[in-house]
């Protein structure tokens, strides 16, 4: 009986902790051949949604050792998401517009 009572008491706290530990979504907009942010800090497992609100095509990618990816051609109006799993710094760029850059720092 005591075990059941303890479980009933702890269950709401376990649920709240799991909600806090869930990954978050972050948005970075591409507009006027720029990213909406030049840097962002997120937690491992968080996603960044890259949305092209520009009138031109972009190619968002990272060749960083951690969290490397390539979204390929992203036409105006398109959105793509990337999950960042590894802690550290990832430099994100556009292959078409070399001045576009955002630094993503992933840490707990």
C-alpha atoms as a PDB file:
ATOM      1  CA  UNK A   1       0.000   0.000   0.000  1.00  0.00           C
ATOM      2  CA  UNK A   2       2.832   2.419   0.851  1.00  0.00           C
ATOM      3  CA  UNK A   3       4.430   1.732  -2.538  1.00  0.00           C
ATOM      4  CA  UNK A   4       1.204   2.618  -4.367  1.00  0.00           C
ATOM      5  CA  UNK A   5       0.851   5.795  -2.330  1.00  0.00           C
ATOM      6  CA  UNK A   6       4.440   6.828  -3.113  1.00  0.00           C
ATOM      7  CA  UNK A   7       3.916   6.139  -6.807  1.00  0.00           C
ATOM      8  CA  UNK A   8       0.769   8.279  -6.863  1.00  0.00           C
ATOM      9  CA  UNK A   9       2.647  11.093  -5.136  1.00  0.00           C
ATOM     10  CA  UNK A  10       5.716  10.965  -7.413  1.00  0.00           C
ATOM     11  CA  UNK A  11       3.921  10.458 -10.732  1.00  0.00           C
ATOM     12  CA  UNK A  12       2.963  14.139 -11.238  1.00  0.00           C
ATOM     13  CA  UNK A  13       6.544  15.204 -10.512  1.00  0.00           C
ATOM     14  CA  UNK A  14       7.945  12.644 -12.961  1.00  0.00           C
ATOM     15  CA  UNK A  15       5.529  13.901 -15.627  1.00  0.00           C
ATOM     16  CA  UNK A  16       6.556  17.533 -15.030  1.00  0.00           C
ATOM     17  CA  UNK A  17      10.256  16.619 -15.236  1.00  0.00           C
ATOM     18  CA  UNK A  18       9.720  14.760 -18.513  1.00  0.00           C
ATOM     19  CA  UNK A  19       7.911  17.794 -19.952  1.00  0.00           C
ATOM     20  CA  UNK A  20      10.887  20.003 -19.081  1.00  0.00           C
ATOM     21  CA  UNK A  21      13.323  17.538 -20.634  1.00  0.00           C
ATOM     22  CA  UNK A  22      11.507  17.454 -23.984  1.00  0.00           C
ATOM     23  CA  UNK A  23      13.221  18.955 -26.981  1.00  0.00           C
ATOM     24  CA  UNK A  24      12.209  22.399 -28.171  1.00  0.00           C
ATOM     25  CA  UNK A  25      11.721  23.807 -31.658  1.00  0.00           C
ATOM     26  CA  UNK A  26      13.438  27.057 -32.608  1.00  0.00           C
ATOM     27  CA  UNK A  27      12.915  29.075 -35.785  1.00  0.00           C
ATOM     28  CA  UNK A  28      15.503  30.807 -37.916  1.00  0.00           C
ATOM     29  CA  UNK A  29      14.097  32.789 -40.814  1.00  0.00           C
ATOM     30  CA  UNK A  30      15.933  33.518 -44.065  1.00  0.00           C
ATOM     31  CA  UNK A  31      15.016  36.952 -45.388  1.00  0.00           C
ATOM     32  CA  UNK A  32      16.916  39.531 -47.478  1.00  0.00           C
ATOM     33  CA  UNK A  33      19.760  37.021 -47.902  1.00  0.00           C
ATOM     34  CA  UNK A  34      20.322  36.914 -44.115  1.00  0.00           C
ATOM     35  CA  UNK A  35      19.481  34.610 -41.230  1.00  0.00           C
ATOM     36  CA  UNK A  36      17.201  36.158 -38.590  1.00  0.00           C
ATOM     37  CA  UNK A  37      19.826  35.317 -35.952  1.00  0.00           C
ATOM     38  CA  UNK A  38      23.612  35.304 -36.065  1.00  0.00           C
ATOM     39  CA  UNK A  39      23.877  32.999 -33.054  1.00  0.00           C
ATOM     40  CA  UNK A  40      21.641  30.781 -30.970  1.00  0.00           C
ATOM     41  CA  UNK A  41      22.154  28.511 -27.966  1.00  0.00           C
ATOM     42  CA  UNK A  42      20.004  25.391 -27.737  1.00  0.00           C
ATOM     43  CA  UNK A  43      19.989  22.076 -25.856  1.00  0.00           C
ATOM     44  CA  UNK A  44      20.907  18.648 -27.248  1.00  0.00           C
ATOM     45  CA  UNK A  45      17.916  17.208 -29.104  1.00  0.00           C
ATOM     46  CA  UNK A  46      16.411  20.611 -29.905  1.00  0.00           C
ATOM     47  CA  UNK A  47      15.360  21.321 -33.484  1.00  0.00           C
ATOM     48  CA  UNK A  48      15.861  24.404 -35.574  1.00  0.00           C
ATOM     49  CA  UNK A  49      13.314  25.048 -38.300  1.00  0.00           C
ATOM     50  CA  UNK A  50      14.943  26.954 -41.157  1.00  0.00           C
ATOM     51  CA  UNK A  51      12.210  28.837 -43.028  1.00  0.00           C
ATOM     52  CA  UNK A  52      12.905  30.563 -46.317  1.00  0.00           C
ATOM     53  CA  UNK A  53      10.861  33.782 -46.251  1.00  0.00           C
ATOM     54  CA  UNK A  54      13.079  35.229 -48.948  1.00  0.00           C
ATOM     55  CA  UNK A  55      12.373  35.745 -52.635  1.00  0.00           C
ATOM     56  CA  UNK A  56      15.417  33.667 -53.598  1.00  0.00           C
ATOM     57  CA  UNK A  57      16.511  30.057 -53.170  1.00  0.00           C
ATOM     58  CA  UNK A  58      18.888  29.103 -50.339  1.00  0.00           C
ATOM     59  CA  UNK A  59      20.986  26.044 -49.492  1.00  0.00           C
ATOM     60  CA  UNK A  60      21.453  25.848 -45.726  1.00  0.00           C
ATOM     61  CA  UNK A  61      24.222  23.493 -44.603  1.00  0.00           C
ATOM     62  CA  UNK A  62      26.929  22.817 -42.048  1.00  0.00           C
ATOM     63  CA  UNK A  63      30.266  21.109 -42.586  1.00  0.00           C
ATOM     64  CA  UNK A  64      31.098  21.342 -38.883  1.00  0.00           C
ATOM     65  CA  UNK A  65      32.412  18.161 -37.274  1.00  0.00           C
ATOM     66  CA  UNK A  66      29.385  18.186 -34.988  1.00  0.00           C
ATOM     67  CA  UNK A  67      25.841  18.156 -36.352  1.00  0.00           C
ATOM     68  CA  UNK A  68      26.781  18.285 -40.050  1.00  0.00           C
ATOM     69  CA  UNK A  69      23.846  18.536 -42.482  1.00  0.00           C
ATOM     70  CA  UNK A  70      22.836  19.832 -45.917  1.00  0.00           C
ATOM     71  CA  UNK A  71      19.264  20.914 -46.640  1.00  0.00           C
ATOM     72  CA  UNK A  72      20.018  21.187 -50.371  1.00  0.00           C
ATOM     73  CA  UNK A  73      17.927  23.584 -52.444  1.00  0.00           C
ATOM     74  CA  UNK A  74      15.331  25.379 -50.339  1.00  0.00           C
ATOM     75  CA  UNK A  75      12.925  27.406 -52.459  1.00  0.00           C
ATOM     76  CA  UNK A  76      11.044  30.484 -51.216  1.00  0.00           C
ATOM     77  CA  UNK A  77       8.329  29.495 -48.752  1.00  0.00           C
ATOM     78  CA  UNK A  78       9.968  26.174 -47.857  1.00  0.00           C
ATOM     79  CA  UNK A  79      10.766  25.058 -44.317  1.00  0.00           C
ATOM     80  CA  UNK A  80      13.196  22.382 -43.177  1.00  0.00           C
ATOM     81  CA  UNK A  81      14.122  21.227 -39.697  1.00  0.00           C
ATOM     82  CA  UNK A  82      17.390  19.979 -38.275  1.00  0.00           C
ATOM     83  CA  UNK A  83      17.842  18.219 -34.931  1.00  0.00           C
ATOM     84  CA  UNK A  84      21.067  19.131 -33.144  1.00  0.00           C
ATOM     85  CA  UNK A  85      22.141  16.153 -31.020  1.00  0.00           C
ATOM     86  CA  UNK A  86      25.827  16.755 -30.300  1.00  0.00           C
ATOM     87  CA  UNK A  87      27.048  19.321 -27.775  1.00  0.00           C
ATOM     88  CA  UNK A  88      29.415  21.943 -29.162  1.00  0.00           C
ATOM     89  CA  UNK A  89      29.478  24.660 -31.781  1.00  0.00           C
ATOM     90  CA  UNK A  90      28.103  24.271 -35.286  1.00  0.00           C
ATOM     91  CA  UNK A  91      28.561  26.912 -37.973  1.00  0.00           C
ATOM     92  CA  UNK A  92      25.615  27.091 -40.384  1.00  0.00           C
ATOM     93  CA  UNK A  93      25.881  28.785 -43.780  1.00  0.00           C
ATOM     94  CA  UNK A  94      24.137  29.150 -47.123  1.00  0.00           C
ATOM     95  CA  UNK A  95      26.019  27.627 -50.069  1.00  0.00           C
ATOM     96  CA  UNK A  96      24.477  30.177 -52.445  1.00  0.00           C
ATOM     97  CA  UNK A  97      25.016  33.300 -50.303  1.00  0.00           C
ATOM     98  CA  UNK A  98      28.385  32.950 -48.499  1.00  0.00           C
ATOM     99  CA  UNK A  99      27.826  35.972 -46.226  1.00  0.00           C
ATOM    100  CA  UNK A 100      24.922  34.179 -44.518  1.00  0.00           C
ATOM    101  CA  UNK A 101      26.102  32.615 -41.257  1.00  0.00           C
ATOM    102  CA  UNK A 102      24.626  31.548 -37.925  1.00  0.00           C
ATOM    103  CA  UNK A 103      26.540  29.916 -35.072  1.00  0.00           C
ATOM    104  CA  UNK A 104      24.592  27.265 -33.184  1.00  0.00           C
ATOM    105  CA  UNK A 105      25.862  26.393 -29.708  1.00  0.00           C
ATOM    106  CA  UNK A 106      24.466  23.179 -28.268  1.00  0.00           C
ATOM    107  CA  UNK A 107      24.861  22.675 -24.529  1.00  0.00           C
ATOM    108  CA  UNK A 108      22.942  21.228 -21.600  1.00  0.00           C
END
